[in-house]
Amino acid sequence: MAQLAQSASNKLLALLPAEDCRLIDKLLKDYSSKAGEVLQEPGEALAYVYFPHSGMVSLLTVMKDGSAIETATVGNEAAIGAEAGPGMTKAITRAVVQIDFTSSRMRRSDFVKCMERRPMIRMLADRATEALIGQMQQTAACNALHSIDTRLARWLLQSQDRSANGNPITLTQEFLSEMLAVRRTSVTEFAKALQDQGLIKYRRGSIEILNRAGLEKKACECYGAVAKQTREITTRPLR
């Protein structure tokens, strides 16, 4: 497996054989952005493939009235815009940076050419698709079946996993209410409940996890399920 300067910290790219990784690395450019930046909107042409090194991006399904709900989060274990299928030309989700992130990116058109030339890069695209579909299916079940407090605990753990410094996590009520598809007053209520249990410290725009083990016990089963899937996807050799 290659350990090239640009790609080494992305777990998907680290799966590529050295020869394929060198080809990809020539096309990658460093890219970083702050929380709040929108990388793509539904219906827009897929212009770039992003391989995050640090930080987190949320993928949201957007309704006609403008409301949205998070269906997956992406960190350095996956990619954005790398879904398999050269025929895919348009984004189906909104991608929003939620935690300041650094990445390497390349033009989607170049990535498609690499997929067509190199079987292992096509397998990488399949793996990226597998990661997203698995997480989206788990998140759909989570949003439908689990309580707000357990979903909030799950989301905070996922965020801390992708945060460069771990704590605190910079979040707003408005943002959390959109991610969890609940009212802002509900976010305040359940964040306060977690704080009263000594699991987090909640201030306006900032959440610090005080007791991670306790928060893991509070979180729904989806946190562990997605974490297990991610480990399997990022450690299984490409073949």
Foldseek 3Di string as FASTA:
>chain_A
DDCDPAQNQQLLLVLDDPVLSVVVVVFKDKDWDAFFDKPFAFPAWQFKKKQWNFAKKFWWQADPVGAIETQDMDHSLAMPSLAADPPDTGDRTIITGHHTTMTIMGTSVVLVVSVVVDVLSNLSNNLRNVLSVVSSVLSVCCLVPHDPLQAVLLVLVVRLVRHPVSDKRFDALVRVCRHSVHDSVVVVVSLVVCVVVVQWDDDHRIIGGRNNVVSVVSHDCSSVVSVVSSVCSSPDRRD
